[in-house]
mmCIF file of all heavy atoms, coordinates in Angstrom:
data_MODEL
# 
_entry.id   MODEL 
# 
loop_
_atom_site.group_PDB 
_atom_site.id 
_atom_site.type_symbol 
_atom_site.label_atom_id 
_atom_site.label_alt_id 
_atom_site.label_comp_id 
_atom_site.label_asym_id 
_atom_site.label_entity_id 
_atom_site.label_seq_id 
_atom_site.pdbx_PDB_ins_code 
_atom_site.Cartn_x 
_atom_site.Cartn_y 
_atom_site.Cartn_z 
_atom_site.occupancy 
_atom_site.B_iso_or_equiv 
_atom_site.pdbx_formal_charge 
_atom_site.auth_seq_id 
_atom_site.auth_comp_id 
_atom_site.auth_asym_id 
_atom_site.auth_atom_id 
_atom_site.pdbx_PDB_model_num 
ATOM 1   N N   . PRO A 1 1  ? 16.739  1.819  -6.717  1.00 0.00 ? 1  PRO A N   1 
ATOM 2   C CA  . PRO A 1 1  ? 15.586  1.953  -5.823  1.00 0.00 ? 1  PRO A CA  1 
ATOM 3   C C   . PRO A 1 1  ? 14.355  2.518  -6.510  1.00 0.00 ? 1  PRO A C   1 
ATOM 4   O O   . PRO A 1 1  ? 13.225  2.285  -6.058  1.00 0.00 ? 1  PRO A O   1 
ATOM 5   C CB  . PRO A 1 1  ? 16.113  2.898  -4.738  1.00 0.00 ? 1  PRO A CB  1 
ATOM 6   C CG  . PRO A 1 1  ? 17.229  3.637  -5.366  1.00 0.00 ? 1  PRO A CG  1 
ATOM 7   C CD  . PRO A 1 1  ? 17.867  2.649  -6.296  1.00 0.00 ? 1  PRO A CD  1 
ATOM 8   N N   . GLU A 1 2  ? 14.549  3.269  -7.603  1.00 0.00 ? 2  GLU A N   1 
ATOM 9   C CA  . GLU A 1 2  ? 13.397  3.805  -8.326  1.00 0.00 ? 2  GLU A CA  1 
ATOM 10  C C   . GLU A 1 2  ? 12.550  2.715  -8.934  1.00 0.00 ? 2  GLU A C   1 
ATOM 11  O O   . GLU A 1 2  ? 11.414  2.944  -9.328  1.00 0.00 ? 2  GLU A O   1 
ATOM 12  C CB  . GLU A 1 2  ? 13.864  4.798  -9.401  1.00 0.00 ? 2  GLU A CB  1 
ATOM 13  C CG  . GLU A 1 2  ? 14.605  4.163  -10.582 1.00 0.00 ? 2  GLU A CG  1 
ATOM 14  C CD  . GLU A 1 2  ? 16.096  3.925  -10.327 1.00 0.00 ? 2  GLU A CD  1 
ATOM 15  O OE1 . GLU A 1 2  ? 16.550  4.121  -9.166  1.00 0.00 ? 2  GLU A OE1 1 
ATOM 16  O OE2 . GLU A 1 2  ? 16.801  3.590  -11.292 1.00 0.00 ? 2  GLU A OE2 1 
ATOM 17  N N   . MET A 1 3  ? 13.079  1.511  -9.027  1.00 0.00 ? 3  MET A N   1 
ATOM 18  C CA  . MET A 1 3  ? 12.331  0.382  -9.613  1.00 0.00 ? 3  MET A CA  1 
ATOM 19  C C   . MET A 1 3  ? 11.415  -0.303 -8.588  1.00 0.00 ? 3  MET A C   1 
ATOM 20  O O   . MET A 1 3  ? 10.536  -1.066 -9.006  1.00 0.00 ? 3  MET A O   1 
ATOM 21  C CB  . MET A 1 3  ? 13.316  -0.665 -10.190 1.00 0.00 ? 3  MET A CB  1 
ATOM 22  C CG  . MET A 1 3  ? 14.204  -0.122 -11.275 1.00 0.00 ? 3  MET A CG  1 
ATOM 23  S SD  . MET A 1 3  ? 13.292  0.375  -12.726 1.00 0.00 ? 3  MET A SD  1 
ATOM 24  C CE  . MET A 1 3  ? 14.643  0.875  -13.844 1.00 0.00 ? 3  MET A CE  1 
ATOM 25  N N   . TRP A 1 4  ? 11.659  -0.083 -7.283  1.00 0.00 ? 4  TRP A N   1 
ATOM 26  C CA  . TRP A 1 4  ? 10.850  -0.810 -6.317  1.00 0.00 ? 4  TRP A CA  1 
ATOM 27  C C   . TRP A 1 4  ? 10.352  0.047  -5.157  1.00 0.00 ? 4  TRP A C   1 
ATOM 28  O O   . TRP A 1 4  ? 9.546   -0.406 -4.349  1.00 0.00 ? 4  TRP A O   1 
ATOM 29  C CB  . TRP A 1 4  ? 11.614  -2.002 -5.777  1.00 0.00 ? 4  TRP A CB  1 
ATOM 30  C CG  . TRP A 1 4  ? 12.905  -1.690 -5.072  1.00 0.00 ? 4  TRP A CG  1 
ATOM 31  C CD1 . TRP A 1 4  ? 13.060  -1.051 -3.861  1.00 0.00 ? 4  TRP A CD1 1 
ATOM 32  C CD2 . TRP A 1 4  ? 14.237  -1.952 -5.553  1.00 0.00 ? 4  TRP A CD2 1 
ATOM 33  N NE1 . TRP A 1 4  ? 14.391  -0.957 -3.546  1.00 0.00 ? 4  TRP A NE1 1 
ATOM 34  C CE2 . TRP A 1 4  ? 15.149  -1.476 -4.562  1.00 0.00 ? 4  TRP A CE2 1 
ATOM 35  C CE3 . TRP A 1 4  ? 14.748  -2.541 -6.708  1.00 0.00 ? 4  TRP A CE3 1 
ATOM 36  C CZ2 . TRP A 1 4  ? 16.519  -1.598 -4.692  1.00 0.00 ? 4  TRP A CZ2 1 
ATOM 37  C CZ3 . TRP A 1 4  ? 16.106  -2.660 -6.840  1.00 0.00 ? 4  TRP A CZ3 1 
ATOM 38  C CH2 . TRP A 1 4  ? 16.983  -2.196 -5.856  1.00 0.00 ? 4  TRP A CH2 1 
ATOM 39  N N   . CYS A 1 5  ? 10.769  1.282  -5.044  1.00 0.00 ? 5  CYS A N   1 
ATOM 40  C CA  . CYS A 1 5  ? 10.253  2.169  -3.987  1.00 0.00 ? 5  CYS A CA  1 
ATOM 41  C C   . CYS A 1 5  ? 9.099   3.003  -4.516  1.00 0.00 ? 5  CYS A C   1 
ATOM 42  O O   . CYS A 1 5  ? 9.196   3.553  -5.644  1.00 0.00 ? 5  CYS A O   1 
ATOM 43  C CB  . CYS A 1 5  ? 11.358  3.073  -3.459  1.00 0.00 ? 5  CYS A CB  1 
ATOM 44  S SG  . CYS A 1 5  ? 12.526  2.275  -2.367  1.00 0.00 ? 5  CYS A SG  1 
ATOM 45  N N   . ASN A 1 6  ? 8.020   3.116  -3.764  1.00 0.00 ? 6  ASN A N   1 
ATOM 46  C CA  . ASN A 1 6  ? 6.901   3.996  -4.097  1.00 0.00 ? 6  ASN A CA  1 
ATOM 47  C C   . ASN A 1 6  ? 6.330   3.645  -5.467  1.00 0.00 ? 6  ASN A C   1 
ATOM 48  O O   . ASN A 1 6  ? 6.075   4.503  -6.319  1.00 0.00 ? 6  ASN A O   1 
ATOM 49  C CB  . ASN A 1 6  ? 7.342   5.460  -4.075  1.00 0.00 ? 6  ASN A CB  1 
ATOM 50  C CG  . ASN A 1 6  ? 8.115   5.811  -2.836  1.00 0.00 ? 6  ASN A CG  1 
ATOM 51  O OD1 . ASN A 1 6  ? 7.681   5.499  -1.719  1.00 0.00 ? 6  ASN A OD1 1 
ATOM 52  N ND2 . ASN A 1 6  ? 9.306   6.379  -2.981  1.00 0.00 ? 6  ASN A ND2 1 
ATOM 53  N N   . GLY A 1 7  ? 6.112   2.351  -5.697  1.00 0.00 ? 7  GLY A N   1 
ATOM 54  C CA  . GLY A 1 7  ? 5.651   1.877  -6.989  1.00 0.00 ? 7  GLY A CA  1 
ATOM 55  C C   . GLY A 1 7  ? 4.221   2.303  -7.316  1.00 0.00 ? 7  GLY A C   1 
ATOM 56  O O   . GLY A 1 7  ? 3.511   2.928  -6.490  1.00 0.00 ? 7  GLY A O   1 
ATOM 57  N N   . PRO A 1 8  ? 3.734   1.951  -8.496  1.00 0.00 ? 8  PRO A N   1 
ATOM 58  C CA  . PRO A 1 8  ? 2.459   2.499  -8.997  1.00 0.00 ? 8  PRO A CA  1 
ATOM 59  C C   . PRO A 1 8  ? 1.238   2.103  -8.161  1.00 0.00 ? 8  PRO A C   1 
ATOM 60  O O   . PRO A 1 8  ? 0.243   2.825  -8.176  1.00 0.00 ? 8  PRO A O   1 
ATOM 61  C CB  . PRO A 1 8  ? 2.362   1.954  -10.417 1.00 0.00 ? 8  PRO A CB  1 
ATOM 62  C CG  . PRO A 1 8  ? 3.309   0.790  -10.460 1.00 0.00 ? 8  PRO A CG  1 
ATOM 63  C CD  . PRO A 1 8  ? 4.414   1.134  -9.501  1.00 0.00 ? 8  PRO A CD  1 
ATOM 64  N N   . ARG A 1 9  ? 1.262   0.985  -7.430  1.00 0.00 ? 9  ARG A N   1 
ATOM 65  C CA  . ARG A 1 9  ? 0.111   0.543  -6.645  1.00 0.00 ? 9  ARG A CA  1 
ATOM 66  C C   . ARG A 1 9  ? 0.304   0.661  -5.147  1.00 0.00 ? 9  ARG A C   1 
ATOM 67  O O   . ARG A 1 9  ? -0.509  0.156  -4.365  1.00 0.00 ? 9  ARG A O   1 
ATOM 68  C CB  . ARG A 1 9  ? -0.266  -0.899 -7.006  1.00 0.00 ? 9  ARG A CB  1 
ATOM 69  C CG  . ARG A 1 9  ? -0.644  -1.096 -8.471  1.00 0.00 ? 9  ARG A CG  1 
ATOM 70  C CD  . ARG A 1 9  ? -1.081  -2.539 -8.725  1.00 0.00 ? 9  ARG A CD  1 
ATOM 71  N NE  . ARG A 1 9  ? -2.354  -2.842 -8.018  1.00 0.00 ? 9  ARG A NE  1 
ATOM 72  C CZ  . ARG A 1 9  ? -2.888  -4.076 -7.961  1.00 0.00 ? 9  ARG A CZ  1 
ATOM 73  N NH1 . ARG A 1 9  ? -2.265  -5.096 -8.528  1.00 0.00 ? 9  ARG A NH1 1 
ATOM 74  N NH2 . ARG A 1 9  ? -4.034  -4.274 -7.331  1.00 0.00 ? 9  ARG A NH2 1 
ATOM 75  N N   . ILE A 1 10 ? 1.371   1.336  -4.725  1.00 0.00 ? 10 ILE A N   1 
ATOM 76  C CA  . ILE A 1 10 ? 1.719   1.317  -3.314  1.00 0.00 ? 10 ILE A CA  1 
ATOM 77  C C   . ILE A 1 10 ? 0.620   1.885  -2.412  1.00 0.00 ? 10 ILE A C   1 
ATOM 78  O O   . ILE A 1 10 ? 0.294   1.299  -1.360  1.00 0.00 ? 10 ILE A O   1 
ATOM 79  C CB  . ILE A 1 10 ? 3.083   2.025  -3.032  1.00 0.00 ? 10 ILE A CB  1 
ATOM 80  C CG1 . ILE A 1 10 ? 3.529   1.810  -1.594  1.00 0.00 ? 10 ILE A CG1 1 
ATOM 81  C CG2 . ILE A 1 10 ? 3.011   3.501  -3.388  1.00 0.00 ? 10 ILE A CG2 1 
ATOM 82  C CD1 . ILE A 1 10 ? 3.776   0.362  -1.245  1.00 0.00 ? 10 ILE A CD1 1 
ATOM 83  N N   . HIS A 1 11 ? 0.017   2.979  -2.814  1.00 0.00 ? 11 HIS A N   1 
ATOM 84  C CA  . HIS A 1 11 ? -1.013  3.566  -1.921  1.00 0.00 ? 11 HIS A CA  1 
ATOM 85  C C   . HIS A 1 11 ? -2.303  2.744  -1.966  1.00 0.00 ? 11 HIS A C   1 
ATOM 86  O O   . HIS A 1 11 ? -3.030  2.699  -0.958  1.00 0.00 ? 11 HIS A O   1 
ATOM 87  C CB  . HIS A 1 11 ? -1.240  5.022  -2.332  1.00 0.00 ? 11 HIS A CB  1 
ATOM 88  C CG  . HIS A 1 11 ? -0.004  5.857  -2.135  1.00 0.00 ? 11 HIS A CG  1 
ATOM 89  N ND1 . HIS A 1 11 ? 0.554   6.075  -0.908  1.00 0.00 ? 11 HIS A ND1 1 
ATOM 90  C CD2 . HIS A 1 11 ? 0.789   6.483  -3.034  1.00 0.00 ? 11 HIS A CD2 1 
ATOM 91  C CE1 . HIS A 1 11 ? 1.634   6.803  -1.033  1.00 0.00 ? 11 HIS A CE1 1 
ATOM 92  N NE2 . HIS A 1 11 ? 1.800   7.076  -2.336  1.00 0.00 ? 11 HIS A NE2 1 
ATOM 93  N N   . GLU A 1 12 ? -2.573  2.089  -3.072  1.00 0.00 ? 12 GLU A N   1 
ATOM 94  C CA  . GLU A 1 12 ? -3.694  1.154  -3.132  1.00 0.00 ? 12 GLU A CA  1 
ATOM 95  C C   . GLU A 1 12 ? -3.488  0.024  -2.137  1.00 0.00 ? 12 GLU A C   1 
ATOM 96  O O   . GLU A 1 12 ? -4.378  -0.363 -1.386  1.00 0.00 ? 12 GLU A O   1 
ATOM 97  C CB  . GLU A 1 12 ? -3.828  0.609  -4.546  1.00 0.00 ? 12 GLU A CB  1 
ATOM 98  C CG  . GLU A 1 12 ? -4.854  -0.486 -4.702  1.00 0.00 ? 12 GLU A CG  1 
ATOM 99  C CD  . GLU A 1 12 ? -4.763  -1.203 -6.051  1.00 0.00 ? 12 GLU A CD  1 
ATOM 100 O OE1 . GLU A 1 12 ? -4.139  -0.651 -6.978  1.00 0.00 ? 12 GLU A OE1 1 
ATOM 101 O OE2 . GLU A 1 12 ? -5.332  -2.310 -6.143  1.00 0.00 ? 12 GLU A OE2 1 
ATOM 102 N N   . PHE A 1 13 ? -2.265  -0.535 -2.108  1.00 0.00 ? 13 PHE A N   1 
ATOM 103 C CA  . PHE A 1 13 ? -1.996  -1.643 -1.198  1.00 0.00 ? 13 PHE A CA  1 
ATOM 104 C C   . PHE A 1 13 ? -2.079  -1.196 0.264   1.00 0.00 ? 13 PHE A C   1 
ATOM 105 O O   . PHE A 1 13 ? -2.640  -1.929 1.103   1.00 0.00 ? 13 PHE A O   1 
ATOM 106 C CB  . PHE A 1 13 ? -0.594  -2.203 -1.483  1.00 0.00 ? 13 PHE A CB  1 
ATOM 107 C CG  . PHE A 1 13 ? -0.412  -2.887 -2.804  1.00 0.00 ? 13 PHE A CG  1 
ATOM 108 C CD1 . PHE A 1 13 ? 0.833   -3.027 -3.385  1.00 0.00 ? 13 PHE A CD1 1 
ATOM 109 C CD2 . PHE A 1 13 ? -1.523  -3.400 -3.505  1.00 0.00 ? 13 PHE A CD2 1 
ATOM 110 C CE1 . PHE A 1 13 ? 0.999   -3.651 -4.605  1.00 0.00 ? 13 PHE A CE1 1 
ATOM 111 C CE2 . PHE A 1 13 ? -1.364  -4.030 -4.720  1.00 0.00 ? 13 PHE A CE2 1 
ATOM 112 C CZ  . PHE A 1 13 ? -0.098  -4.141 -5.295  1.00 0.00 ? 13 PHE A CZ  1 
ATOM 113 N N   . ILE A 1 14 ? -1.526  -0.056 0.572   1.00 0.00 ? 14 ILE A N   1 
ATOM 114 C CA  . ILE A 1 14 ? -1.533  0.405  1.964   1.00 0.00 ? 14 ILE A CA  1 
ATOM 115 C C   . ILE A 1 14 ? -2.957  0.717  2.407   1.00 0.00 ? 14 ILE A C   1 
ATOM 116 O O   . ILE A 1 14 ? -3.350  0.408  3.557   1.00 0.00 ? 14 ILE A O   1 
ATOM 117 C CB  . ILE A 1 14 ? -0.597  1.618  2.152   1.00 0.00 ? 14 ILE A CB  1 
ATOM 118 C CG1 . ILE A 1 14 ? 0.848   1.154  1.977   1.00 0.00 ? 14 ILE A CG1 1 
ATOM 119 C CG2 . ILE A 1 14 ? -0.815  2.272  3.495   1.00 0.00 ? 14 ILE A CG2 1 
ATOM 120 C CD1 . ILE A 1 14 ? 1.854   2.288  2.051   1.00 0.00 ? 14 ILE A CD1 1 
ATOM 121 N N   . HIS A 1 15 ? -3.740  1.330  1.532   1.00 0.00 ? 15 HIS A N   1 
ATOM 122 C CA  . HIS A 1 15 ? -5.123  1.615  1.872   1.00 0.00 ? 15 HIS A CA  1 
ATOM 123 C C   . HIS A 1 15 ? -5.886  0.317  2.151   1.00 0.00 ? 15 HIS A C   1 
ATOM 124 O O   . HIS A 1 15 ? -6.641  0.203  3.111   1.00 0.00 ? 15 HIS A O   1 
ATOM 125 C CB  . HIS A 1 15 ? -5.805  2.398  0.741   1.00 0.00 ? 15 HIS A CB  1 
ATOM 126 C CG  . HIS A 1 15 ? -7.240  2.683  0.968   1.00 0.00 ? 15 HIS A CG  1 
ATOM 127 N ND1 . HIS A 1 15 ? -7.671  3.674  1.845   1.00 0.00 ? 15 HIS A ND1 1 
ATOM 128 C CD2 . HIS A 1 15 ? -8.360  2.119  0.451   1.00 0.00 ? 15 HIS A CD2 1 
ATOM 129 C CE1 . HIS A 1 15 ? -8.992  3.695  1.859   1.00 0.00 ? 15 HIS A CE1 1 
ATOM 130 N NE2 . HIS A 1 15 ? -9.444  2.768  1.037   1.00 0.00 ? 15 HIS A NE2 1 
ATOM 131 N N   . GLU A 1 16 ? -5.688  -0.691 1.304   1.00 0.00 ? 16 GLU A N   1 
ATOM 132 C CA  . GLU A 1 16 ? -6.350  -1.946 1.479   1.00 0.00 ? 16 GLU A CA  1 
ATOM 133 C C   . GLU A 1 16 ? -5.924  -2.620 2.785   1.00 0.00 ? 16 GLU A C   1 
ATOM 134 O O   . GLU A 1 16 ? -6.751  -3.143 3.528   1.00 0.00 ? 16 GLU A O   1 
ATOM 135 C CB  . GLU A 1 16 ? -6.032  -2.873 0.304   1.00 0.00 ? 16 GLU A CB  1 
ATOM 136 C CG  . GLU A 1 16 ? -6.682  -4.245 0.398   1.00 0.00 ? 16 GLU A CG  1 
ATOM 137 C CD  . GLU A 1 16 ? -6.223  -5.149 -0.735  1.00 0.00 ? 16 GLU A CD  1 
ATOM 138 O OE1 . GLU A 1 16 ? -5.151  -5.801 -0.594  1.00 0.00 ? 16 GLU A OE1 1 
ATOM 139 O OE2 . GLU A 1 16 ? -6.970  -5.240 -1.739  1.00 0.00 ? 16 GLU A OE2 1 
ATOM 140 N N   . MET A 1 17 ? -4.616  -2.584 3.067   1.00 0.00 ? 17 MET A N   1 
ATOM 141 C CA  . MET A 1 17 ? -4.094  -3.171 4.324   1.00 0.00 ? 17 MET A CA  1 
ATOM 142 C C   . MET A 1 17 ? -4.743  -2.521 5.521   1.00 0.00 ? 17 MET A C   1 
ATOM 143 O O   . MET A 1 17 ? -5.123  -3.182 6.500   1.00 0.00 ? 17 MET A O   1 
ATOM 144 C CB  . MET A 1 17 ? -2.577  -3.011 4.358   1.00 0.00 ? 17 MET A CB  1 
ATOM 145 C CG  . MET A 1 17 ? -1.937  -3.517 5.637   1.00 0.00 ? 17 MET A CG  1 
ATOM 146 S SD  . MET A 1 17 ? -0.140  -3.415 5.568   1.00 0.00 ? 17 MET A SD  1 
ATOM 147 C CE  . MET A 1 17 ? 0.126   -1.640 5.458   1.00 0.00 ? 17 MET A CE  1 
ATOM 148 N N   . ASN A 1 18 ? -4.862  -1.198 5.464   1.00 0.00 ? 18 ASN A N   1 
ATOM 149 C CA  . ASN A 1 18 ? -5.462  -0.473 6.579   1.00 0.00 ? 18 ASN A CA  1 
ATOM 150 C C   . ASN A 1 18 ? -6.923  -0.847 6.742   1.00 0.00 ? 18 ASN A C   1 
ATOM 151 O O   . ASN A 1 18 ? -7.398  -1.162 7.841   1.00 0.00 ? 18 ASN A O   1 
ATOM 152 C CB  . ASN A 1 18 ? -5.324  1.014  6.358   1.00 0.00 ? 18 ASN A CB  1 
ATOM 153 C CG  . ASN A 1 18 ? -5.788  1.826  7.548   1.00 0.00 ? 18 ASN A CG  1 
ATOM 154 O OD1 . ASN A 1 18 ? -5.472  1.507  8.686   1.00 0.00 ? 18 ASN A OD1 1 
ATOM 155 N ND2 . ASN A 1 18 ? -6.566  2.867  7.298   1.00 0.00 ? 18 ASN A ND2 1 
ATOM 156 N N   . GLN A 1 19 ? -7.663  -0.866 5.632   1.00 0.00 ? 19 GLN A N   1 
ATOM 157 C CA  . GLN A 1 19 ? -9.108  -1.121 5.704   1.00 0.00 ? 19 GLN A CA  1 
ATOM 158 C C   . GLN A 1 19 ? -9.421  -2.565 6.078   1.00 0.00 ? 19 GLN A C   1 
ATOM 159 O O   . GLN A 1 19 ? -10.360 -2.817 6.848   1.00 0.00 ? 19 GLN A O   1 
ATOM 160 C CB  . GLN A 1 19 ? -9.745  -0.778 4.357   1.00 0.00 ? 19 GLN A CB  1 
ATOM 161 C CG  . GLN A 1 19 ? -9.724  0.700  4.002   1.00 0.00 ? 19 GLN A CG  1 
ATOM 162 C CD  . GLN A 1 19 ? -10.400 1.545  5.093   1.00 0.00 ? 19 GLN A CD  1 
ATOM 163 O OE1 . GLN A 1 19 ? -11.531 1.272  5.483   1.00 0.00 ? 19 GLN A OE1 1 
ATOM 164 N NE2 . GLN A 1 19 ? -9.694  2.569  5.567   1.00 0.00 ? 19 GLN A NE2 1 
ATOM 165 N N   . LYS A 1 20 ? -8.661  -3.503 5.563   1.00 0.00 ? 20 LYS A N   1 
ATOM 166 C CA  . LYS A 1 20 ? -8.974  -4.918 5.807   1.00 0.00 ? 20 LYS A CA  1 
ATOM 167 C C   . LYS A 1 20 ? -8.381  -5.497 7.077   1.00 0.00 ? 20 LYS A C   1 
ATOM 168 O O   . LYS A 1 20 ? -8.949  -6.418 7.670   1.00 0.00 ? 20 LYS A O   1 
ATOM 169 C CB  . LYS A 1 20 ? -8.479  -5.762 4.614   1.00 0.00 ? 20 LYS A CB  1 
ATOM 170 C CG  . LYS A 1 20 ? -9.314  -5.575 3.346   1.00 0.00 ? 20 LYS A CG  1 
ATOM 171 C CD  . LYS A 1 20 ? -8.923  -6.589 2.289   1.00 0.00 ? 20 LYS A CD  1 
ATOM 172 C CE  . LYS A 1 20 ? -9.852  -6.517 1.081   1.00 0.00 ? 20 LYS A CE  1 
ATOM 173 N NZ  . LYS A 1 20 ? -9.506  -7.571 0.073   1.00 0.00 ? 20 LYS A NZ  1 
ATOM 174 N N   . ALA A 1 21 ? -7.229  -4.954 7.505   1.00 0.00 ? 21 ALA A N   1 
ATOM 175 C CA  . ALA A 1 21 ? -6.519  -5.583 8.633   1.00 0.00 ? 21 ALA A CA  1 
ATOM 176 C C   . ALA A 1 21 ? -6.350  -4.699 9.844   1.00 0.00 ? 21 ALA A C   1 
ATOM 177 O O   . ALA A 1 21 ? -6.483  -5.155 10.961  1.00 0.00 ? 21 ALA A O   1 
ATOM 178 C CB  . ALA A 1 21 ? -5.175  -6.108 8.165   1.00 0.00 ? 21 ALA A CB  1 
ATOM 179 N N   . LEU A 1 22 ? -6.040  -3.437 9.650   1.00 0.00 ? 22 LEU A N   1 
ATOM 180 C CA  . LEU A 1 22 ? -5.643  -2.589 10.769  1.00 0.00 ? 22 LEU A CA  1 
ATOM 181 C C   . LEU A 1 22 ? -6.822  -1.786 11.348  1.00 0.00 ? 22 LEU A C   1 
ATOM 182 O O   . LEU A 1 22 ? -7.053  -1.805 12.568  1.00 0.00 ? 22 LEU A O   1 
ATOM 183 C CB  . LEU A 1 22 ? -4.544  -1.613 10.323  1.00 0.00 ? 22 LEU A CB  1 
ATOM 184 C CG  . LEU A 1 22 ? -3.259  -2.273 9.816   1.00 0.00 ? 22 LEU A CG  1 
ATOM 185 C CD1 . LEU A 1 22 ? -2.293  -1.212 9.319   1.00 0.00 ? 22 LEU A CD1 1 
ATOM 186 C CD2 . LEU A 1 22 ? -2.611  -3.119 10.903  1.00 0.00 ? 22 LEU A CD2 1 
ATOM 187 N N   . ALA A 1 23 ? -7.551  -1.074 10.495  1.00 0.00 ? 23 ALA A N   1 
ATOM 188 C CA  . ALA A 1 23 ? -8.624  -0.211 10.998  1.00 0.00 ? 23 ALA A CA  1 
ATOM 189 C C   . ALA A 1 23 ? -9.673  -0.938 11.806  1.00 0.00 ? 23 ALA A C   1 
ATOM 190 O O   . ALA A 1 23 ? -10.158 -0.412 12.817  1.00 0.00 ? 23 ALA A O   1 
ATOM 191 C CB  . ALA A 1 23 ? -9.256  0.550  9.838   1.00 0.00 ? 23 ALA A CB  1 
ATOM 192 N N   . PRO A 1 24 ? -10.108 -2.146 11.438  1.00 0.00 ? 24 PRO A N   1 
ATOM 193 C CA  . PRO A 1 24 ? -11.124 -2.817 12.230  1.00 0.00 ? 24 PRO A CA  1 
ATOM 194 C C   . PRO A 1 24 ? -10.707 -3.060 13.680  1.00 0.00 ? 24 PRO A C   1 
ATOM 195 O O   . PRO A 1 24 ? -11.563 -3.215 14.561  1.00 0.00 ? 24 PRO A O   1 
ATOM 196 C CB  . PRO A 1 24 ? -11.308 -4.165 11.482  1.00 0.00 ? 24 PRO A CB  1 
ATOM 197 C CG  . PRO A 1 24 ? -10.963 -3.862 10.079  1.00 0.00 ? 24 PRO A CG  1 
ATOM 198 C CD  . PRO A 1 24 ? -9.786  -2.910 10.193  1.00 0.00 ? 24 PRO A CD  1 
# 
């Protein structure tokens, strides 16, 4: 699981998802 959980870009992806799809 250390190979795919909480990976290096995870917070970048979630922030983008929030800004582009959810927050609006």
